[in-house]
Amino acid sequence: MPESTLIESAAKAGARFDSVIGQCATALRHLADYELEPDINQRMRDLGERKESLSPEEHAELEALVTFGEKRAIEKLEAQAALKNLGETLPELLR
């Protein structure tokens, strides 16, 4: 969408646009502040320390937990970058 069209749409939306962007910022903050649950972290650590002697089921569980943790870490970094960009673009929004 061309920038002028986006600006016109935002201007027409007025307060609703502000509200929607505020909701987006809140959602990004939740992602940016996300931490794995302590029991998940502990389980991953326990399985990781025994990775040489895991049953096939435990090995699959460890792989799934690691994949889950990696995806959440990427989402967290993306959200932090988006919030930084949003704050630089619309600083009044993140006050």
PDB file of N, CA and C in Angstrom:
ATOM      1  N   MET A   1       0.851  -1.172   0.000  1.00  0.00           N
ATOM      2  CA  MET A   1       0.000   0.000   0.000  1.00  0.00           C
ATOM      3  C   MET A   1       0.897   1.236   0.000  1.00  0.00           C
ATOM      4  N   PRO A   2       0.653   2.179  -0.903  1.00  0.00           N
ATOM      5  CA  PRO A   2       1.459   3.400  -0.939  1.00  0.00           C
ATOM      6  C   PRO A   2       1.348   4.164   0.379  1.00  0.00           C
ATOM      7  N   GLU A   3       2.433   4.850   0.738  1.00  0.00           N
ATOM      8  CA  GLU A   3       2.479   5.564   2.016  1.00  0.00           C
ATOM      9  C   GLU A   3       1.359   6.593   2.141  1.00  0.00           C
ATOM     10  N   SER A   4       1.070   7.328   1.064  1.00  0.00           N
ATOM     11  CA  SER A   4       0.025   8.356   1.130  1.00  0.00           C
ATOM     12  C   SER A   4      -1.338   7.732   1.419  1.00  0.00           C
ATOM     13  N   THR A   5      -1.620   6.563   0.846  1.00  0.00           N
ATOM     14  CA  THR A   5      -2.888   5.878   1.093  1.00  0.00           C
ATOM     15  C   THR A   5      -2.965   5.423   2.545  1.00  0.00           C
ATOM     16  N   LEU A   6      -1.868   4.926   3.068  1.00  0.00           N
ATOM     17  CA  LEU A   6      -1.820   4.485   4.457  1.00  0.00           C
ATOM     18  C   LEU A   6      -2.065   5.664   5.394  1.00  0.00           C
ATOM     19  N   ILE A   7      -1.427   6.786   5.122  1.00  0.00           N
ATOM     20  CA  ILE A   7      -1.598   7.972   5.962  1.00  0.00           C
ATOM     21  C   ILE A   7      -3.040   8.467   5.892  1.00  0.00           C
ATOM     22  N   GLU A   8      -3.609   8.477   4.694  1.00  0.00           N
ATOM     23  CA  GLU A   8      -5.007   8.900   4.542  1.00  0.00           C
ATOM     24  C   GLU A   8      -5.942   7.972   5.312  1.00  0.00           C
ATOM     25  N   SER A   9      -5.705   6.678   5.230  1.00  0.00           N
ATOM     26  CA  SER A   9      -6.537   5.708   5.948  1.00  0.00           C
ATOM     27  C   SER A   9      -6.419   5.900   7.453  1.00  0.00           C
ATOM     28  N   ALA A  10      -5.213   6.135   7.935  1.00  0.00           N
ATOM     29  CA  ALA A  10      -5.005   6.357   9.370  1.00  0.00           C
ATOM     30  C   ALA A  10      -5.703   7.627   9.824  1.00  0.00           C
ATOM     31  N   ALA A  11      -5.618   8.673   9.007  1.00  0.00           N
ATOM     32  CA  ALA A  11      -6.271   9.939   9.358  1.00  0.00           C
ATOM     33  C   ALA A  11      -7.788   9.764   9.401  1.00  0.00           C
ATOM     34  N   LYS A  12      -8.341   9.024   8.463  1.00  0.00           N
ATOM     35  CA  LYS A  12      -9.791   8.786   8.434  1.00  0.00           C
ATOM     36  C   LYS A  12     -10.230   7.965   9.645  1.00  0.00           C
ATOM     37  N   ALA A  13      -9.425   7.023  10.052  1.00  0.00           N
ATOM     38  CA  ALA A  13      -9.778   6.157  11.178  1.00  0.00           C
ATOM     39  C   ALA A  13      -9.709   6.903  12.505  1.00  0.00           C
ATOM     40  N   GLY A  14      -8.864   7.921  12.595  1.00  0.00           N
ATOM     41  CA  GLY A  14      -8.785   8.766  13.780  1.00  0.00           C
ATOM     42  C   GLY A  14      -8.488   8.002  15.058  1.00  0.00           C
ATOM     43  N   ALA A  15      -9.372   8.171  16.049  1.00  0.00           N
ATOM     44  CA  ALA A  15      -9.173   7.563  17.366  1.00  0.00           C
ATOM     45  C   ALA A  15      -9.144   6.037  17.278  1.00  0.00           C
ATOM     46  N   ARG A  16      -9.903   5.486  16.347  1.00  0.00           N
ATOM     47  CA  ARG A  16      -9.900   4.024  16.188  1.00  0.00           C
ATOM     48  C   ARG A  16      -8.514   3.541  15.784  1.00  0.00           C
ATOM     49  N   PHE A  17      -7.839   4.280  14.917  1.00  0.00           N
ATOM     50  CA  PHE A  17      -6.479   3.928  14.513  1.00  0.00           C
ATOM     51  C   PHE A  17      -5.560   3.933  15.731  1.00  0.00           C
ATOM     52  N   ASP A  18      -5.663   4.972  16.542  1.00  0.00           N
ATOM     53  CA  ASP A  18      -4.839   5.057  17.753  1.00  0.00           C
ATOM     54  C   ASP A  18      -5.085   3.856  18.666  1.00  0.00           C
ATOM     55  N   SER A  19      -6.366   3.492  18.800  1.00  0.00           N
ATOM     56  CA  SER A  19      -6.722   2.365  19.651  1.00  0.00           C
ATOM     57  C   SER A  19      -6.144   1.059  19.104  1.00  0.00           C
ATOM     58  N   VAL A  20      -6.265   0.855  17.805  1.00  0.00           N
ATOM     59  CA  VAL A  20      -5.757  -0.367  17.184  1.00  0.00           C
ATOM     60  C   VAL A  20      -4.236  -0.443  17.309  1.00  0.00           C
ATOM     61  N   ILE A  21      -3.557   0.657  17.062  1.00  0.00           N
ATOM     62  CA  ILE A  21      -2.094   0.662  17.189  1.00  0.00           C
ATOM     63  C   ILE A  21      -1.697   0.422  18.649  1.00  0.00           C
ATOM     64  N   GLY A  22      -2.461   0.984  19.571  1.00  0.00           N
ATOM     65  CA  GLY A  22      -2.199   0.744  20.990  1.00  0.00           C
ATOM     66  C   GLY A  22      -2.349  -0.732  21.347  1.00  0.00           C
ATOM     67  N   GLN A  23      -3.381  -1.377  20.786  1.00  0.00           N
ATOM     68  CA  GLN A  23      -3.571  -2.815  21.019  1.00  0.00           C
ATOM     69  C   GLN A  23      -2.408  -3.617  20.439  1.00  0.00           C
ATOM     70  N   CYS A  24      -1.949  -3.217  19.279  1.00  0.00           N
ATOM     71  CA  CYS A  24      -0.795  -3.895  18.658  1.00  0.00           C
ATOM     72  C   CYS A  24       0.446  -3.744  19.534  1.00  0.00           C
ATOM     73  N   ALA A  25       0.651  -2.538  20.050  1.00  0.00           N
ATOM     74  CA  ALA A  25       1.812  -2.289  20.919  1.00  0.00           C
ATOM     75  C   ALA A  25       1.720  -3.148  22.180  1.00  0.00           C
ATOM     76  N   THR A  26       0.524  -3.278  22.736  1.00  0.00           N
ATOM     77  CA  THR A  26       0.342  -4.111  23.927  1.00  0.00           C
ATOM     78  C   THR A  26       0.667  -5.567  23.614  1.00  0.00           C
ATOM     79  N   ALA A  27       0.169  -6.058  22.496  1.00  0.00           N
ATOM     80  CA  ALA A  27       0.461  -7.441  22.097  1.00  0.00           C
ATOM     81  C   ALA A  27       1.965  -7.636  21.889  1.00  0.00           C
ATOM     82  N   LEU A  28       2.610  -6.662  21.271  1.00  0.00           N
ATOM     83  CA  LEU A  28       4.059  -6.752  21.073  1.00  0.00           C
ATOM     84  C   LEU A  28       4.797  -6.756  22.409  1.00  0.00           C
ATOM     85  N   ARG A  29       4.340  -5.946  23.363  1.00  0.00           N
ATOM     86  CA  ARG A  29       4.980  -5.933  24.691  1.00  0.00           C
ATOM     87  C   ARG A  29       4.877  -7.309  25.351  1.00  0.00           C
ATOM     88  N   HIS A  30       3.699  -7.941  25.221  1.00  0.00           N
ATOM     89  CA  HIS A  30       3.531  -9.279  25.806  1.00  0.00           C
ATOM     90  C   HIS A  30       4.523 -10.261  25.188  1.00  0.00           C
ATOM     91  N   LEU A  31       4.673 -10.219  23.882  1.00  0.00           N
ATOM     92  CA  LEU A  31       5.633 -11.107  23.215  1.00  0.00           C
ATOM     93  C   LEU A  31       7.069 -10.753  23.607  1.00  0.00           C
ATOM     94  N   ALA A  32       7.361  -9.459  23.666  1.00  0.00           N
ATOM     95  CA  ALA A  32       8.718  -9.009  23.974  1.00  0.00           C
ATOM     96  C   ALA A  32       9.136  -9.377  25.400  1.00  0.00           C
ATOM     97  N   ASP A  33       8.156  -9.467  26.306  1.00  0.00           N
ATOM     98  CA  ASP A  33       8.448  -9.775  27.710  1.00  0.00           C
ATOM     99  C   ASP A  33       8.327 -11.258  28.041  1.00  0.00           C
ATOM    100  N   TYR A  34       7.990 -12.068  27.041  1.00  0.00           N
ATOM    101  CA  TYR A  34       7.720 -13.487  27.273  1.00  0.00           C
ATOM    102  C   TYR A  34       8.934 -14.215  27.829  1.00  0.00           C
ATOM    103  N   GLU A  35       8.679 -15.051  28.807  1.00  0.00           N
ATOM    104  CA  GLU A  35       9.693 -15.958  29.345  1.00  0.00           C
ATOM    105  C   GLU A  35       9.073 -17.352  29.394  1.00  0.00           C
ATOM    106  N   LEU A  36       9.865 -18.360  29.094  1.00  0.00           N
ATOM    107  CA  LEU A  36       9.368 -19.733  29.217  1.00  0.00           C
ATOM    108  C   LEU A  36       8.966 -19.996  30.662  1.00  0.00           C
ATOM    109  N   GLU A  37       7.927 -20.792  30.834  1.00  0.00           N
ATOM    110  CA  GLU A  37       7.505 -21.177  32.181  1.00  0.00           C
ATOM    111  C   GLU A  37       8.672 -21.893  32.872  1.00  0.00           C
ATOM    112  N   PRO A  38       8.864 -21.656  34.174  1.00  0.00           N
ATOM    113  CA  PRO A  38       9.978 -22.298  34.888  1.00  0.00           C
ATOM    114  C   PRO A  38       9.970 -23.821  34.771  1.00  0.00           C
ATOM    115  N   ASP A  39       8.771 -24.461  34.814  1.00  0.00           N
ATOM    116  CA  ASP A  39       8.760 -25.938  34.723  1.00  0.00           C
ATOM    117  C   ASP A  39       9.214 -26.409  33.346  1.00  0.00           C
ATOM    118  N   ILE A  40       8.889 -25.633  32.298  1.00  0.00           N
ATOM    119  CA  ILE A  40       9.331 -26.005  30.947  1.00  0.00           C
ATOM    120  C   ILE A  40      10.849 -25.871  30.865  1.00  0.00           C
ATOM    121  N   ASN A  41      11.366 -24.762  31.390  1.00  0.00           N
ATOM    122  CA  ASN A  41      12.826 -24.561  31.405  1.00  0.00           C
ATOM    123  C   ASN A  41      13.518 -25.687  32.164  1.00  0.00           C
ATOM    124  N   GLN A  42      12.971 -26.034  33.319  1.00  0.00           N
ATOM    125  CA  GLN A  42      13.571 -27.079  34.151  1.00  0.00           C
ATOM    126  C   GLN A  42      13.535 -28.430  33.442  1.00  0.00           C
ATOM    127  N   ARG A  43      12.399 -28.730  32.816  1.00  0.00           N
ATOM    128  CA  ARG A  43      12.276 -30.007  32.109  1.00  0.00           C
ATOM    129  C   ARG A  43      13.276 -30.084  30.958  1.00  0.00           C
ATOM    130  N   MET A  44      13.418 -28.981  30.241  1.00  0.00           N
ATOM    131  CA  MET A  44      14.378 -28.947  29.137  1.00  0.00           C
ATOM    132  C   MET A  44      15.803 -29.152  29.670  1.00  0.00           C
ATOM    133  N   ARG A  45      16.108 -28.504  30.776  1.00  0.00           N
ATOM    134  CA  ARG A  45      17.441 -28.635  31.381  1.00  0.00           C
ATOM    135  C   ARG A  45      17.679 -30.080  31.825  1.00  0.00           C
ATOM    136  N   ASP A  46      16.673 -30.656  32.499  1.00  0.00           N
ATOM    137  CA  ASP A  46      16.812 -32.045  32.966  1.00  0.00           C
ATOM    138  C   ASP A  46      17.048 -33.004  31.802  1.00  0.00           C
ATOM    139  N   LEU A  47      16.233 -32.882  30.762  1.00  0.00           N
ATOM    140  CA  LEU A  47      16.397 -33.757  29.602  1.00  0.00           C
ATOM    141  C   LEU A  47      17.736 -33.505  28.914  1.00  0.00           C
ATOM    142  N   GLY A  48      18.130 -32.240  28.809  1.00  0.00           N
ATOM    143  CA  GLY A  48      19.386 -31.900  28.152  1.00  0.00           C
ATOM    144  C   GLY A  48      20.595 -32.476  28.873  1.00  0.00           C
ATOM    145  N   GLU A  49      20.540 -32.501  30.194  1.00  0.00           N
ATOM    146  CA  GLU A  49      21.652 -33.049  30.979  1.00  0.00           C
ATOM    147  C   GLU A  49      21.774 -34.561  30.822  1.00  0.00           C
ATOM    148  N   ARG A  50      20.681 -35.208  30.439  1.00  0.00           N
ATOM    149  CA  ARG A  50      20.681 -36.665  30.278  1.00  0.00           C
ATOM    150  C   ARG A  50      20.545 -37.081  28.821  1.00  0.00           C
ATOM    151  N   LYS A  51      20.845 -36.172  27.910  1.00  0.00           N
ATOM    152  CA  LYS A  51      20.530 -36.434  26.491  1.00  0.00           C
ATOM    153  C   LYS A  51      21.163 -37.694  25.925  1.00  0.00           C
ATOM    154  N   GLU A  52      22.260 -38.157  26.502  1.00  0.00           N
ATOM    155  CA  GLU A  52      22.918 -39.371  26.000  1.00  0.00           C
ATOM    156  C   GLU A  52      22.154 -40.630  26.377  1.00  0.00           C
ATOM    157  N   SER A  53      21.302 -40.548  27.392  1.00  0.00           N
ATOM    158  CA  SER A  53      20.625 -41.764  27.852  1.00  0.00           C
ATOM    159  C   SER A  53      19.098 -41.645  27.814  1.00  0.00           C
ATOM    160  N   LEU A  54      18.581 -40.776  26.968  1.00  0.00           N
ATOM    161  CA  LEU A  54      17.133 -40.581  26.885  1.00  0.00           C
ATOM    162  C   LEU A  54      16.455 -41.708  26.119  1.00  0.00           C
ATOM    163  N   SER A  55      15.241 -42.005  26.546  1.00  0.00           N
ATOM    164  CA  SER A  55      14.411 -42.945  25.776  1.00  0.00           C
ATOM    165  C   SER A  55      13.988 -42.221  24.490  1.00  0.00           C
ATOM    166  N   PRO A  56      13.526 -42.948  23.495  1.00  0.00           N
ATOM    167  CA  PRO A  56      13.062 -42.286  22.265  1.00  0.00           C
ATOM    168  C   PRO A  56      11.963 -41.235  22.548  1.00  0.00           C
ATOM    169  N   GLU A  57      11.069 -41.536  23.493  1.00  0.00           N
ATOM    170  CA  GLU A  57       9.998 -40.594  23.833  1.00  0.00           C
ATOM    171  C   GLU A  57      10.573 -39.320  24.461  1.00  0.00           C
ATOM    172  N   GLU A  58      11.532 -39.500  25.357  1.00  0.00           N
ATOM    173  CA  GLU A  58      12.151 -38.341  26.005  1.00  0.00           C
ATOM    174  C   GLU A  58      12.946 -37.517  24.990  1.00  0.00           C
ATOM    175  N   HIS A  59      13.606 -38.200  24.074  1.00  0.00           N
ATOM    176  CA  HIS A  59      14.366 -37.503  23.038  1.00  0.00           C
ATOM    177  C   HIS A  59      13.431 -36.658  22.173  1.00  0.00           C
ATOM    178  N   ALA A  60      12.288 -37.228  21.807  1.00  0.00           N
ATOM    179  CA  ALA A  60      11.290 -36.489  21.021  1.00  0.00           C
ATOM    180  C   ALA A  60      10.754 -35.305  21.820  1.00  0.00           C
ATOM    181  N   GLU A  61      10.544 -35.508  23.111  1.00  0.00           N
ATOM    182  CA  GLU A  61      10.072 -34.420  23.978  1.00  0.00           C
ATOM    183  C   GLU A  61      11.103 -33.298  24.030  1.00  0.00           C
ATOM    184  N   LEU A  62      12.365 -33.663  24.195  1.00  0.00           N
ATOM    185  CA  LEU A  62      13.423 -32.653  24.240  1.00  0.00           C
ATOM    186  C   LEU A  62      13.476 -31.871  22.937  1.00  0.00           C
ATOM    187  N   GLU A  63      13.410 -32.557  21.819  1.00  0.00           N
ATOM    188  CA  GLU A  63      13.423 -31.866  20.522  1.00  0.00           C
ATOM    189  C   GLU A  63      12.242 -30.905  20.398  1.00  0.00           C
ATOM    190  N   ALA A  64      11.070 -31.350  20.834  1.00  0.00           N
ATOM    191  CA  ALA A  64       9.884 -30.498  20.759  1.00  0.00           C
ATOM    192  C   ALA A  64      10.028 -29.273  21.670  1.00  0.00           C
ATOM    193  N   LEU A  65      10.560 -29.469  22.858  1.00  0.00           N
ATOM    194  CA  LEU A  65      10.752 -28.350  23.785  1.00  0.00           C
ATOM    195  C   LEU A  65      11.778 -27.351  23.247  1.00  0.00           C
ATOM    196  N   VAL A  66      12.852 -27.858  22.677  1.00  0.00           N
ATOM    197  CA  VAL A  66      13.879 -26.977  22.108  1.00  0.00           C
ATOM    198  C   VAL A  66      13.305 -26.183  20.937  1.00  0.00           C
ATOM    199  N   THR A  67      12.570 -26.854  20.077  1.00  0.00           N
ATOM    200  CA  THR A  67      11.935 -26.171  18.937  1.00  0.00           C
ATOM    201  C   THR A  67      10.979 -25.096  19.430  1.00  0.00           C
ATOM    202  N   PHE A  68      10.167 -25.429  20.420  1.00  0.00           N
ATOM    203  CA  PHE A  68       9.232 -24.477  21.007  1.00  0.00           C
ATOM    204  C   PHE A  68       9.990 -23.267  21.571  1.00  0.00           C
ATOM    205  N   GLY A  69      11.035 -23.538  22.336  1.00  0.00           N
ATOM    206  CA  GLY A  69      11.827 -22.454  22.935  1.00  0.00           C
ATOM    207  C   GLY A  69      12.490 -21.570  21.892  1.00  0.00           C
ATOM    208  N   GLU A  70      12.996 -22.180  20.831  1.00  0.00           N
ATOM    209  CA  GLU A  70      13.626 -21.399  19.758  1.00  0.00           C
ATOM    210  C   GLU A  70      12.617 -20.498  19.061  1.00  0.00           C
ATOM    211  N   LYS A  71      11.421 -21.033  18.786  1.00  0.00           N
ATOM    212  CA  LYS A  71      10.386 -20.224  18.135  1.00  0.00           C
ATOM    213  C   LYS A  71       9.983 -19.056  19.023  1.00  0.00           C
ATOM    214  N   ARG A  72       9.806 -19.312  20.309  1.00  0.00           N
ATOM    215  CA  ARG A  72       9.427 -18.224  21.221  1.00  0.00           C
ATOM    216  C   ARG A  72      10.547 -17.186  21.312  1.00  0.00           C
ATOM    217  N   ALA A  73      11.795 -17.612  21.288  1.00  0.00           N
ATOM    218  CA  ALA A  73      12.924 -16.679  21.351  1.00  0.00           C
ATOM    219  C   ALA A  73      12.952 -15.782  20.116  1.00  0.00           C
ATOM    220  N   ILE A  74      12.698 -16.362  18.948  1.00  0.00           N
ATOM    221  CA  ILE A  74      12.661 -15.582  17.708  1.00  0.00           C
ATOM    222  C   ILE A  74      11.510 -14.583  17.755  1.00  0.00           C
ATOM    223  N   GLU A  75      10.332 -15.046  18.189  1.00  0.00           N
ATOM    224  CA  GLU A  75       9.179 -14.143  18.296  1.00  0.00           C
ATOM    225  C   GLU A  75       9.461 -13.001  19.269  1.00  0.00           C
ATOM    226  N   LYS A  76      10.138 -13.310  20.359  1.00  0.00           N
ATOM    227  CA  LYS A  76      10.484 -12.291  21.362  1.00  0.00           C
ATOM    228  C   LYS A  76      11.403 -11.233  20.745  1.00  0.00           C
ATOM    229  N   LEU A  77      12.423 -11.675  20.018  1.00  0.00           N
ATOM    230  CA  LEU A  77      13.351 -10.740  19.381  1.00  0.00           C
ATOM    231  C   LEU A  77      12.654  -9.900  18.311  1.00  0.00           C
ATOM    232  N   GLU A  78      11.775 -10.532  17.537  1.00  0.00           N
ATOM    233  CA  GLU A  78      11.022  -9.798  16.516  1.00  0.00           C
ATOM    234  C   GLU A  78      10.126  -8.746  17.166  1.00  0.00           C
ATOM    235  N   ALA A  79       9.471  -9.103  18.257  1.00  0.00           N
ATOM    236  CA  ALA A  79       8.597  -8.163  18.957  1.00  0.00           C
ATOM    237  C   ALA A  79       9.407  -7.006  19.542  1.00  0.00           C
ATOM    238  N   GLN A  80      10.573  -7.302  20.099  1.00  0.00           N
ATOM    239  CA  GLN A  80      11.430  -6.241  20.641  1.00  0.00           C
ATOM    240  C   GLN A  80      11.866  -5.275  19.538  1.00  0.00           C
ATOM    241  N   ALA A  81      12.222  -5.822  18.380  1.00  0.00           N
ATOM    242  CA  ALA A  81      12.631  -4.972  17.253  1.00  0.00           C
ATOM    243  C   ALA A  81      11.451  -4.132  16.752  1.00  0.00           C
ATOM    244  N   ALA A  82      10.272  -4.752  16.659  1.00  0.00           N
ATOM    245  CA  ALA A  82       9.086  -4.018  16.202  1.00  0.00           C
ATOM    246  C   ALA A  82       8.727  -2.899  17.174  1.00  0.00           C
ATOM    247  N   LEU A  83       8.814  -3.170  18.484  1.00  0.00           N
ATOM    248  CA  LEU A  83       8.534  -2.122  19.476  1.00  0.00           C
ATOM    249  C   LEU A  83       9.536  -0.980  19.378  1.00  0.00           C
ATOM    250  N   LYS A  84      10.788  -1.328  19.151  1.00  0.00           N
ATOM    251  CA  LYS A  84      11.819  -0.296  18.997  1.00  0.00           C
ATOM    252  C   LYS A  84      11.487   0.587  17.795  1.00  0.00           C
ATOM    253  N   ASN A  85      11.155  -0.040  16.668  1.00  0.00           N
ATOM    254  CA  ASN A  85      10.800   0.715  15.464  1.00  0.00           C
ATOM    255  C   ASN A  85       9.544   1.543  15.680  1.00  0.00           C
ATOM    256  N   LEU A  86       8.565   0.971  16.336  1.00  0.00           N
ATOM    257  CA  LEU A  86       7.318   1.683  16.622  1.00  0.00           C
ATOM    258  C   LEU A  86       7.591   2.889  17.517  1.00  0.00           C
ATOM    259  N   GLY A  87       8.427   2.697  18.515  1.00  0.00           N
ATOM    260  CA  GLY A  87       8.779   3.794  19.421  1.00  0.00           C
ATOM    261  C   GLY A  87       9.545   4.907  18.733  1.00  0.00           C
ATOM    262  N   GLU A  88      10.380   4.540  17.777  1.00  0.00           N
ATOM    263  CA  GLU A  88      11.123   5.558  17.027  1.00  0.00           C
ATOM    264  C   GLU A  88      10.218   6.296  16.044  1.00  0.00           C
ATOM    265  N   THR A  89       9.210   5.599  15.519  1.00  0.00           N
ATOM    266  CA  THR A  89       8.301   6.180  14.547  1.00  0.00           C
ATOM    267  C   THR A  89       7.169   6.958  15.201  1.00  0.00           C
ATOM    268  N   LEU A  90       6.622   6.385  16.264  1.00  0.00           N
ATOM    269  CA  LEU A  90       5.497   7.006  16.987  1.00  0.00           C
ATOM    270  C   LEU A  90       5.811   7.042  18.483  1.00  0.00           C
ATOM    271  N   PRO A  91       6.774   7.868  18.900  1.00  0.00           N
ATOM    272  CA  PRO A  91       7.219   7.849  20.300  1.00  0.00           C
ATOM    273  C   PRO A  91       6.091   8.137  21.298  1.00  0.00           C
ATOM    274  N   GLU A  92       5.122   8.964  20.903  1.00  0.00           N
ATOM    275  CA  GLU A  92       4.020   9.289  21.825  1.00  0.00           C
ATOM    276  C   GLU A  92       3.175   8.061  22.145  1.00  0.00           C
ATOM    277  N   LEU A  93       3.195   7.074  21.292  1.00  0.00           N
ATOM    278  CA  LEU A  93       2.390   5.883  21.492  1.00  0.00           C
ATOM    279  C   LEU A  93       2.932   5.027  22.634  1.00  0.00           C
ATOM    280  N   LEU A  94       4.236   4.991  22.802  1.00  0.00           N
ATOM    281  CA  LEU A  94       4.848   4.078  23.785  1.00  0.00           C
ATOM    282  C   LEU A  94       5.187   4.764  25.103  1.00  0.00           C
ATOM    283  N   ARG A  95       4.713   5.941  25.317  1.00  0.00           N
ATOM    284  CA  ARG A  95       4.979   6.619  26.595  1.00  0.00           C
ATOM    285  C   ARG A  95       4.183   6.029  27.692  1.00  0.00           C
TER     286      ARG A  95
END
